[in-house]
């Protein structure tokens, strides 16, 4: 399938009113006017526009795969309480798409990004049972992906003092908190029933999901000295626009992978190679 330009839109009618009633009026709830792009170097603003647009696209992908998660958990007939928790996630991810997109717009407009609409859904081995598919998706998406995402967003929140960035990141962190935890709540239920071969397979699934994050860690080589990044940007400006210092990304990612992904999985008998 040919790549498409990433664009999102809202209607201007009854659906919008219902959307705002359900998720809060994003346009009025956050201090958008407090962000003044003219205060920052144009190159940094351009990078921030790209970063927030990319975050919106990633949240868009998360919304898609969370919808798949709800479907697969239903097909597997998991306990209703676990299924109910998962059912909240797609709407929360859609909310995050809007917030990240509005951050990009506040910085001057979204960046042009192309993507493959079919690339987000997880393709399963057709021989897997519905329950095995649910286990794979929960390990891949929740235990690994969402756990890492929550840790990195939390680090960005700790780093920033800008009122708009703090408000947006606070919402993302609060709503993402349960996404990773659900994977381990599911494992508390299913792990005693998993055989050795299935645990080994899920360990490989977790390894693949961690490896998918590696290119991000390897690209982050910027350093900061005396409050100025290697590129010459003030660290205060960097954190205002929603990032941590680069080395903090690496440290948080590695610590999270070890203490919040690999170790908890091992406690359920799933060893990540």
C-alpha atoms as a PDB file:
ATOM      1  CA  UNK A   1       0.000   0.000   0.000  1.00  0.00           C
ATOM      2  CA  UNK A   2       1.326   3.435  -0.936  1.00  0.00           C
ATOM      3  CA  UNK A   3       2.217   5.777   1.952  1.00  0.00           C
ATOM      4  CA  UNK A   4      -0.301   8.468   2.825  1.00  0.00           C
ATOM      5  CA  UNK A   5       0.169  11.924   4.319  1.00  0.00           C
ATOM      6  CA  UNK A   6      -0.677  11.939   8.028  1.00  0.00           C
ATOM      7  CA  UNK A   7      -3.582  14.331   8.578  1.00  0.00           C
ATOM      8  CA  UNK A   8      -6.337  14.497  11.178  1.00  0.00           C
ATOM      9  CA  UNK A   9      -9.512  16.567  11.307  1.00  0.00           C
ATOM     10  CA  UNK A  10     -12.583  17.336  13.394  1.00  0.00           C
ATOM     11  CA  UNK A  11     -16.121  17.914  12.176  1.00  0.00           C
ATOM     12  CA  UNK A  12     -17.991  21.126  12.946  1.00  0.00           C
ATOM     13  CA  UNK A  13     -21.292  19.726  14.107  1.00  0.00           C
ATOM     14  CA  UNK A  14     -23.077  17.549  16.688  1.00  0.00           C
ATOM     15  CA  UNK A  15     -20.295  14.932  16.682  1.00  0.00           C
ATOM     16  CA  UNK A  16     -17.795  17.563  17.823  1.00  0.00           C
ATOM     17  CA  UNK A  17     -20.052  18.625  20.692  1.00  0.00           C
ATOM     18  CA  UNK A  18     -20.424  15.005  21.803  1.00  0.00           C
ATOM     19  CA  UNK A  19     -16.661  14.477  21.485  1.00  0.00           C
ATOM     20  CA  UNK A  20     -15.916  17.521  23.634  1.00  0.00           C
ATOM     21  CA  UNK A  21     -18.463  16.429  26.217  1.00  0.00           C
ATOM     22  CA  UNK A  22     -16.800  13.021  26.478  1.00  0.00           C
ATOM     23  CA  UNK A  23     -13.154  14.107  26.559  1.00  0.00           C
ATOM     24  CA  UNK A  24     -13.331  17.729  27.704  1.00  0.00           C
ATOM     25  CA  UNK A  25     -12.972  20.797  25.533  1.00  0.00           C
ATOM     26  CA  UNK A  26      -9.308  20.526  24.635  1.00  0.00           C
ATOM     27  CA  UNK A  27      -9.277  23.963  23.023  1.00  0.00           C
ATOM     28  CA  UNK A  28     -10.349  25.613  26.287  1.00  0.00           C
ATOM     29  CA  UNK A  29      -8.911  23.254  28.891  1.00  0.00           C
ATOM     30  CA  UNK A  30      -5.219  23.896  28.191  1.00  0.00           C
ATOM     31  CA  UNK A  31      -3.222  27.187  28.234  1.00  0.00           C
ATOM     32  CA  UNK A  32      -2.382  27.161  24.519  1.00  0.00           C
ATOM     33  CA  UNK A  33      -1.641  30.891  24.400  1.00  0.00           C
ATOM     34  CA  UNK A  34       1.205  30.475  26.928  1.00  0.00           C
ATOM     35  CA  UNK A  35       3.413  28.858  24.257  1.00  0.00           C
ATOM     36  CA  UNK A  36       5.204  31.530  22.233  1.00  0.00           C
ATOM     37  CA  UNK A  37       7.268  29.982  19.412  1.00  0.00           C
ATOM     38  CA  UNK A  38       9.059  33.292  18.802  1.00  0.00           C
ATOM     39  CA  UNK A  39      10.904  32.822  22.118  1.00  0.00           C
ATOM     40  CA  UNK A  40      12.819  29.846  20.728  1.00  0.00           C
ATOM     41  CA  UNK A  41      15.350  29.356  17.898  1.00  0.00           C
ATOM     42  CA  UNK A  42      13.533  28.636  14.606  1.00  0.00           C
ATOM     43  CA  UNK A  43      15.457  25.382  14.066  1.00  0.00           C
ATOM     44  CA  UNK A  44      14.452  24.100  17.497  1.00  0.00           C
ATOM     45  CA  UNK A  45      10.822  25.046  16.849  1.00  0.00           C
ATOM     46  CA  UNK A  46      10.956  23.189  13.535  1.00  0.00           C
ATOM     47  CA  UNK A  47      12.275  20.093  15.296  1.00  0.00           C
ATOM     48  CA  UNK A  48       9.580  20.403  17.962  1.00  0.00           C
ATOM     49  CA  UNK A  49       6.866  20.641  15.296  1.00  0.00           C
ATOM     50  CA  UNK A  50       8.206  17.428  13.779  1.00  0.00           C
ATOM     51  CA  UNK A  51       8.508  15.756  17.189  1.00  0.00           C
ATOM     52  CA  UNK A  52       4.951  16.564  18.286  1.00  0.00           C
ATOM     53  CA  UNK A  53       3.569  15.558  14.885  1.00  0.00           C
ATOM     54  CA  UNK A  54       5.443  12.276  15.180  1.00  0.00           C
ATOM     55  CA  UNK A  55       4.040  11.828  18.688  1.00  0.00           C
ATOM     56  CA  UNK A  56       0.542  12.394  17.267  1.00  0.00           C
ATOM     57  CA  UNK A  57       1.210   9.755  14.600  1.00  0.00           C
ATOM     58  CA  UNK A  58       2.520   7.312  17.208  1.00  0.00           C
ATOM     59  CA  UNK A  59      -0.577   7.871  19.345  1.00  0.00           C
ATOM     60  CA  UNK A  60      -2.673   7.373  16.195  1.00  0.00           C
ATOM     61  CA  UNK A  61      -0.964   4.028  15.720  1.00  0.00           C
ATOM     62  CA  UNK A  62      -1.520   3.184  19.389  1.00  0.00           C
ATOM     63  CA  UNK A  63      -5.241   3.929  19.039  1.00  0.00           C
ATOM     64  CA  UNK A  64      -5.373   1.540  16.086  1.00  0.00           C
ATOM     65  CA  UNK A  65      -3.572  -1.289  17.834  1.00  0.00           C
ATOM     66  CA  UNK A  66      -5.564  -0.761  21.054  1.00  0.00           C
ATOM     67  CA  UNK A  67      -8.702  -1.318  19.022  1.00  0.00           C
ATOM     68  CA  UNK A  68      -7.168  -4.562  17.794  1.00  0.00           C
ATOM     69  CA  UNK A  69      -6.336  -5.460  21.400  1.00  0.00           C
ATOM     70  CA  UNK A  70      -9.964  -5.055  22.478  1.00  0.00           C
ATOM     71  CA  UNK A  71     -11.112  -7.252  19.582  1.00  0.00           C
ATOM     72  CA  UNK A  72      -8.554  -9.990  20.263  1.00  0.00           C
ATOM     73  CA  UNK A  73      -9.282 -10.039  24.001  1.00  0.00           C
ATOM     74  CA  UNK A  74     -12.974 -10.420  23.210  1.00  0.00           C
ATOM     75  CA  UNK A  75     -12.281 -13.270  20.805  1.00  0.00           C
ATOM     76  CA  UNK A  76     -10.184 -14.938  23.518  1.00  0.00           C
ATOM     77  CA  UNK A  77     -12.977 -14.465  26.090  1.00  0.00           C
ATOM     78  CA  UNK A  78     -10.669 -13.077  28.751  1.00  0.00           C
ATOM     79  CA  UNK A  79     -12.249 -12.108  32.094  1.00  0.00           C
ATOM     80  CA  UNK A  80     -14.584  -9.134  31.774  1.00  0.00           C
ATOM     81  CA  UNK A  81     -12.654  -6.924  34.188  1.00  0.00           C
ATOM     82  CA  UNK A  82      -9.500  -7.204  32.079  1.00  0.00           C
ATOM     83  CA  UNK A  83     -11.475  -6.634  28.887  1.00  0.00           C
ATOM     84  CA  UNK A  84     -13.233  -3.623  30.395  1.00  0.00           C
ATOM     85  CA  UNK A  85      -9.934  -1.970  31.293  1.00  0.00           C
ATOM     86  CA  UNK A  86      -8.627  -2.466  27.766  1.00  0.00           C
ATOM     87  CA  UNK A  87     -11.830  -1.053  26.262  1.00  0.00           C
ATOM     88  CA  UNK A  88     -10.940   2.389  27.673  1.00  0.00           C
ATOM     89  CA  UNK A  89      -7.599   2.578  25.921  1.00  0.00           C
ATOM     90  CA  UNK A  90      -8.575   3.387  22.289  1.00  0.00           C
ATOM     91  CA  UNK A  91     -10.510   6.506  23.345  1.00  0.00           C
ATOM     92  CA  UNK A  92      -7.617   7.649  25.533  1.00  0.00           C
ATOM     93  CA  UNK A  93      -5.179   7.226  22.657  1.00  0.00           C
ATOM     94  CA  UNK A  94      -7.463   9.230  20.343  1.00  0.00           C
ATOM     95  CA  UNK A  95      -7.449  11.975  22.992  1.00  0.00           C
ATOM     96  CA  UNK A  96      -3.642  11.895  22.928  1.00  0.00           C
ATOM     97  CA  UNK A  97      -3.620  12.209  19.133  1.00  0.00           C
ATOM     98  CA  UNK A  98      -5.569  15.456  19.450  1.00  0.00           C
ATOM     99  CA  UNK A  99      -3.372  16.844  22.221  1.00  0.00           C
ATOM    100  CA  UNK A 100      -0.113  16.131  20.394  1.00  0.00           C
ATOM    101  CA  UNK A 101      -1.472  17.487  17.133  1.00  0.00           C
ATOM    102  CA  UNK A 102      -2.581  20.689  18.847  1.00  0.00           C
ATOM    103  CA  UNK A 103       0.903  21.067  20.342  1.00  0.00           C
ATOM    104  CA  UNK A 104       2.330  20.893  16.823  1.00  0.00           C
ATOM    105  CA  UNK A 105      -0.217  23.463  15.656  1.00  0.00           C
ATOM    106  CA  UNK A 106       0.676  25.777  18.564  1.00  0.00           C
ATOM    107  CA  UNK A 107       4.280  25.658  17.317  1.00  0.00           C
ATOM    108  CA  UNK A 108       3.308  26.733  13.810  1.00  0.00           C
ATOM    109  CA  UNK A 109       1.658  23.699  12.256  1.00  0.00           C
ATOM    110  CA  UNK A 110       2.072  19.980  11.854  1.00  0.00           C
ATOM    111  CA  UNK A 111       5.038  18.579   9.958  1.00  0.00           C
ATOM    112  CA  UNK A 112       4.527  16.610   6.737  1.00  0.00           C
ATOM    113  CA  UNK A 113       4.795  12.923   7.605  1.00  0.00           C
ATOM    114  CA  UNK A 114       3.979   9.983   5.358  1.00  0.00           C
ATOM    115  CA  UNK A 115       2.888   6.645   6.825  1.00  0.00           C
ATOM    116  CA  UNK A 116       1.460   3.302   5.849  1.00  0.00           C
ATOM    117  CA  UNK A 117      -2.085   2.985   7.278  1.00  0.00           C
ATOM    118  CA  UNK A 118      -1.750  -0.803   7.358  1.00  0.00           C
ATOM    119  CA  UNK A 119       1.502  -0.811   9.327  1.00  0.00           C
ATOM    120  CA  UNK A 120       0.088  -0.487  12.831  1.00  0.00           C
ATOM    121  CA  UNK A 121      -1.926  -3.680  13.255  1.00  0.00           C
ATOM    122  CA  UNK A 122      -0.007  -6.709  14.525  1.00  0.00           C
ATOM    123  CA  UNK A 123       0.049  -9.652  12.088  1.00  0.00           C
ATOM    124  CA  UNK A 124      -0.300 -13.000  13.856  1.00  0.00           C
ATOM    125  CA  UNK A 125       0.893 -16.451  12.938  1.00  0.00           C
ATOM    126  CA  UNK A 126      -2.356 -18.040  11.679  1.00  0.00           C
ATOM    127  CA  UNK A 127      -1.674 -21.154  13.761  1.00  0.00           C
ATOM    128  CA  UNK A 128      -2.082 -19.244  17.051  1.00  0.00           C
ATOM    129  CA  UNK A 129      -5.211 -19.645  19.140  1.00  0.00           C
ATOM    130  CA  UNK A 130      -7.230 -16.578  20.128  1.00  0.00           C
ATOM    131  CA  UNK A 131      -5.779 -16.779  23.644  1.00  0.00           C
ATOM    132  CA  UNK A 132      -2.215 -16.975  22.303  1.00  0.00           C
ATOM    133  CA  UNK A 133      -2.920 -13.918  20.162  1.00  0.00           C
ATOM    134  CA  UNK A 134      -4.186 -12.041  23.197  1.00  0.00           C
ATOM    135  CA  UNK A 135      -1.093 -13.017  25.172  1.00  0.00           C
ATOM    136  CA  UNK A 136       1.212 -11.896  22.366  1.00  0.00           C
ATOM    137  CA  UNK A 137      -0.519  -8.546  21.924  1.00  0.00           C
ATOM    138  CA  UNK A 138      -0.598  -7.799  25.644  1.00  0.00           C
ATOM    139  CA  UNK A 139       3.105  -8.596  26.039  1.00  0.00           C
ATOM    140  CA  UNK A 140       4.157  -6.734  22.899  1.00  0.00           C
ATOM    141  CA  UNK A 141       1.965  -3.652  23.272  1.00  0.00           C
ATOM    142  CA  UNK A 142       1.340  -3.296  26.994  1.00  0.00           C
ATOM    143  CA  UNK A 143       4.185  -4.990  28.881  1.00  0.00           C
ATOM    144  CA  UNK A 144       6.841  -3.556  26.552  1.00  0.00           C
ATOM    145  CA  UNK A 145       5.604  -0.689  24.380  1.00  0.00           C
ATOM    146  CA  UNK A 146       3.312   1.099  26.802  1.00  0.00           C
ATOM    147  CA  UNK A 147       5.592   0.530  29.790  1.00  0.00           C
ATOM    148  CA  UNK A 148       8.469   2.213  27.959  1.00  0.00           C
ATOM    149  CA  UNK A 149       6.233   4.995  26.646  1.00  0.00           C
ATOM    150  CA  UNK A 150       4.932   5.782  30.126  1.00  0.00           C
ATOM    151  CA  UNK A 151       8.454   5.963  31.573  1.00  0.00           C
ATOM    152  CA  UNK A 152       9.699   8.290  28.814  1.00  0.00           C
ATOM    153  CA  UNK A 153       6.662  10.568  29.008  1.00  0.00           C
ATOM    154  CA  UNK A 154       7.073  10.718  32.788  1.00  0.00           C
ATOM    155  CA  UNK A 155      10.714  11.740  32.324  1.00  0.00           C
ATOM    156  CA  UNK A 156       9.719  14.518  29.913  1.00  0.00           C
ATOM    157  CA  UNK A 157       7.105  15.709  32.407  1.00  0.00           C
ATOM    158  CA  UNK A 158       9.661  15.844  35.212  1.00  0.00           C
ATOM    159  CA  UNK A 159      12.021  17.826  32.986  1.00  0.00           C
ATOM    160  CA  UNK A 160       9.679  20.606  31.886  1.00  0.00           C
ATOM    161  CA  UNK A 161       8.366  23.632  33.746  1.00  0.00           C
ATOM    162  CA  UNK A 162       6.425  25.216  30.876  1.00  0.00           C
ATOM    163  CA  UNK A 163       2.709  25.431  31.820  1.00  0.00           C
ATOM    164  CA  UNK A 164       1.315  24.155  28.513  1.00  0.00           C
ATOM    165  CA  UNK A 165       3.840  21.364  28.080  1.00  0.00           C
ATOM    166  CA  UNK A 166       3.329  20.287  31.693  1.00  0.00           C
ATOM    167  CA  UNK A 167      -0.453  20.277  31.289  1.00  0.00           C
ATOM    168  CA  UNK A 168      -0.367  18.192  28.108  1.00  0.00           C
ATOM    169  CA  UNK A 169       2.251  15.742  29.402  1.00  0.00           C
ATOM    170  CA  UNK A 170       0.390  15.402  32.715  1.00  0.00           C
ATOM    171  CA  UNK A 171      -2.705  14.232  30.844  1.00  0.00           C
ATOM    172  CA  UNK A 172      -0.682  11.806  28.725  1.00  0.00           C
ATOM    173  CA  UNK A 173       1.074  10.343  31.776  1.00  0.00           C
ATOM    174  CA  UNK A 174      -2.104  10.032  33.834  1.00  0.00           C
ATOM    175  CA  UNK A 175      -4.004   8.278  31.060  1.00  0.00           C
ATOM    176  CA  UNK A 176      -1.094   6.059  29.992  1.00  0.00           C
ATOM    177  CA  UNK A 177      -0.407   4.792  33.517  1.00  0.00           C
ATOM    178  CA  UNK A 178      -2.760   1.809  33.276  1.00  0.00           C
ATOM    179  CA  UNK A 179      -1.828   0.829  29.708  1.00  0.00           C
ATOM    180  CA  UNK A 180       1.385  -0.918  30.646  1.00  0.00           C
ATOM    181  CA  UNK A 181       0.034  -2.281  33.902  1.00  0.00           C
ATOM    182  CA  UNK A 182      -2.785  -4.131  32.150  1.00  0.00           C
ATOM    183  CA  UNK A 183      -0.262  -6.450  30.514  1.00  0.00           C
ATOM    184  CA  UNK A 184       1.026  -7.613  33.871  1.00  0.00           C
ATOM    185  CA  UNK A 185      -2.493  -7.865  35.357  1.00  0.00           C
ATOM    186  CA  UNK A 186      -3.310 -10.158  32.448  1.00  0.00           C
ATOM    187  CA  UNK A 187      -0.197 -12.235  33.116  1.00  0.00           C
ATOM    188  CA  UNK A 188      -1.185 -12.643  36.771  1.00  0.00           C
ATOM    189  CA  UNK A 189      -4.314 -14.331  35.456  1.00  0.00           C
ATOM    190  CA  UNK A 190      -2.911 -16.391  32.574  1.00  0.00           C
ATOM    191  CA  UNK A 191       0.713 -17.164  33.541  1.00  0.00           C
ATOM    192  CA  UNK A 192      -0.071 -20.222  35.717  1.00  0.00           C
ATOM    193  CA  UNK A 193      -1.734 -21.791  32.667  1.00  0.00           C
ATOM    194  CA  UNK A 194       1.102 -21.082  30.229  1.00  0.00           C
ATOM    195  CA  UNK A 195       3.299 -23.967  29.173  1.00  0.00           C
ATOM    196  CA  UNK A 196       7.062 -23.762  28.785  1.00  0.00           C
ATOM    197  CA  UNK A 197       6.882 -23.409  25.005  1.00  0.00           C
ATOM    198  CA  UNK A 198       4.393 -20.542  25.194  1.00  0.00           C
ATOM    199  CA  UNK A 199       6.458 -18.725  27.812  1.00  0.00           C
ATOM    200  CA  UNK A 200       9.508 -19.097  25.589  1.00  0.00           C
ATOM    201  CA  UNK A 201       7.544 -17.723  22.617  1.00  0.00           C
ATOM    202  CA  UNK A 202       6.346 -14.719  24.624  1.00  0.00           C
ATOM    203  CA  UNK A 203       9.930 -14.059  25.689  1.00  0.00           C
ATOM    204  CA  UNK A 204      10.866 -13.810  22.012  1.00  0.00           C
ATOM    205  CA  UNK A 205       7.901 -11.499  21.423  1.00  0.00           C
ATOM    206  CA  UNK A 206       9.128  -9.201  24.201  1.00  0.00           C
ATOM    207  CA  UNK A 207      12.661  -9.277  22.749  1.00  0.00           C
ATOM    208  CA  UNK A 208      11.337  -8.229  19.323  1.00  0.00           C
ATOM    209  CA  UNK A 209       9.364  -5.385  20.887  1.00  0.00           C
ATOM    210  CA  UNK A 210      12.428  -4.166  22.802  1.00  0.00           C
ATOM    211  CA  UNK A 211      14.601  -4.398  19.700  1.00  0.00           C
ATOM    212  CA  UNK A 212      12.128  -2.175  17.857  1.00  0.00           C
ATOM    213  CA  UNK A 213      13.002   0.583  20.347  1.00  0.00           C
ATOM    214  CA  UNK A 214      16.777   0.251  19.900  1.00  0.00           C
ATOM    215  CA  UNK A 215      17.145   2.600  16.899  1.00  0.00           C
ATOM    216  CA  UNK A 216      15.728   5.444  19.010  1.00  0.00           C
ATOM    217  CA  UNK A 217      18.267   4.863  21.777  1.00  0.00           C
ATOM    218  CA  UNK A 218      21.137   4.609  19.305  1.00  0.00           C
ATOM    219  CA  UNK A 219      20.277   7.949  17.652  1.00  0.00           C
ATOM    220  CA  UNK A 220      20.368   9.830  20.937  1.00  0.00           C
ATOM    221  CA  UNK A 221      23.927  11.001  21.339  1.00  0.00           C
ATOM    222  CA  UNK A 222      23.465  14.695  22.168  1.00  0.00           C
ATOM    223  CA  UNK A 223      25.164  15.973  25.311  1.00  0.00           C
ATOM    224  CA  UNK A 224      24.603  19.016  27.490  1.00  0.00           C
ATOM    225  CA  UNK A 225      27.211  21.185  29.168  1.00  0.00           C
ATOM    226  CA  UNK A 226      26.487  24.172  31.412  1.00  0.00           C
ATOM    227  CA  UNK A 227      22.834  24.196  30.373  1.00  0.00           C
ATOM    228  CA  UNK A 228      23.575  24.213  26.629  1.00  0.00           C
ATOM    229  CA  UNK A 229      23.179  21.233  24.285  1.00  0.00           C
ATOM    230  CA  UNK A 230      25.849  20.197  21.828  1.00  0.00           C
ATOM    231  CA  UNK A 231      23.788  21.830  19.062  1.00  0.00           C
ATOM    232  CA  UNK A 232      23.871  25.154  20.926  1.00  0.00           C
ATOM    233  CA  UNK A 233      20.292  25.132  22.255  1.00  0.00           C
ATOM    234  CA  UNK A 234      19.526  26.137  25.819  1.00  0.00           C
ATOM    235  CA  UNK A 235      18.430  23.081  27.792  1.00  0.00           C
ATOM    236  CA  UNK A 236      15.600  25.191  29.245  1.00  0.00           C
ATOM    237  CA  UNK A 237      14.257  25.691  25.723  1.00  0.00           C
ATOM    238  CA  UNK A 238      14.581  21.990  24.958  1.00  0.00           C
ATOM    239  CA  UNK A 239      12.592  20.992  28.036  1.00  0.00           C
ATOM    240  CA  UNK A 240      10.026  23.763  27.440  1.00  0.00           C
ATOM    241  CA  UNK A 241       9.181  22.172  24.105  1.00  0.00           C
ATOM    242  CA  UNK A 242       8.700  18.702  25.537  1.00  0.00           C
ATOM    243  CA  UNK A 243      11.971  16.759  25.576  1.00  0.00           C
ATOM    244  CA  UNK A 244      14.368  15.414  28.177  1.00  0.00           C
ATOM    245  CA  UNK A 245      18.115  15.760  27.755  1.00  0.00           C
ATOM    246  CA  UNK A 246      19.208  13.060  25.321  1.00  0.00           C
ATOM    247  CA  UNK A 247      21.267  11.002  27.753  1.00  0.00           C
ATOM    248  CA  UNK A 248      18.274  10.894  30.098  1.00  0.00           C
ATOM    249  CA  UNK A 249      16.253   9.192  27.363  1.00  0.00           C
ATOM    250  CA  UNK A 250      18.900   6.496  27.119  1.00  0.00           C
ATOM    251  CA  UNK A 251      19.166   6.034  30.893  1.00  0.00           C
ATOM    252  CA  UNK A 252      15.394   5.900  31.418  1.00  0.00           C
ATOM    253  CA  UNK A 253      14.907   3.505  28.485  1.00  0.00           C
ATOM    254  CA  UNK A 254      17.561   1.075  29.661  1.00  0.00           C
ATOM    255  CA  UNK A 255      16.503   1.138  33.307  1.00  0.00           C
ATOM    256  CA  UNK A 256      12.855   0.679  32.371  1.00  0.00           C
ATOM    257  CA  UNK A 257      13.664  -2.217  30.041  1.00  0.00           C
ATOM    258  CA  UNK A 258      15.506  -4.010  32.839  1.00  0.00           C
ATOM    259  CA  UNK A 259      13.435  -3.214  35.934  1.00  0.00           C
ATOM    260  CA  UNK A 260       9.922  -2.728  34.568  1.00  0.00           C
ATOM    261  CA  UNK A 261       9.889  -5.071  31.579  1.00  0.00           C
ATOM    262  CA  UNK A 262      12.402  -7.919  31.811  1.00  0.00           C
ATOM    263  CA  UNK A 263      12.281  -8.440  35.585  1.00  0.00           C
ATOM    264  CA  UNK A 264       8.452  -8.489  35.924  1.00  0.00           C
ATOM    265  CA  UNK A 265       8.146 -10.798  32.916  1.00  0.00           C
ATOM    266  CA  UNK A 266      10.685 -13.156  34.470  1.00  0.00           C
ATOM    267  CA  UNK A 267       8.606 -13.262  37.659  1.00  0.00           C
ATOM    268  CA  UNK A 268       5.831 -14.729  35.506  1.00  0.00           C
ATOM    269  CA  UNK A 269       8.213 -17.274  34.034  1.00  0.00           C
ATOM    270  CA  UNK A 270       8.813 -15.395  30.790  1.00  0.00           C
ATOM    271  CA  UNK A 271      12.522 -14.959  30.152  1.00  0.00           C
ATOM    272  CA  UNK A 272      13.451 -12.300  27.619  1.00  0.00           C
ATOM    273  CA  UNK A 273      16.478 -13.558  25.636  1.00  0.00           C
END
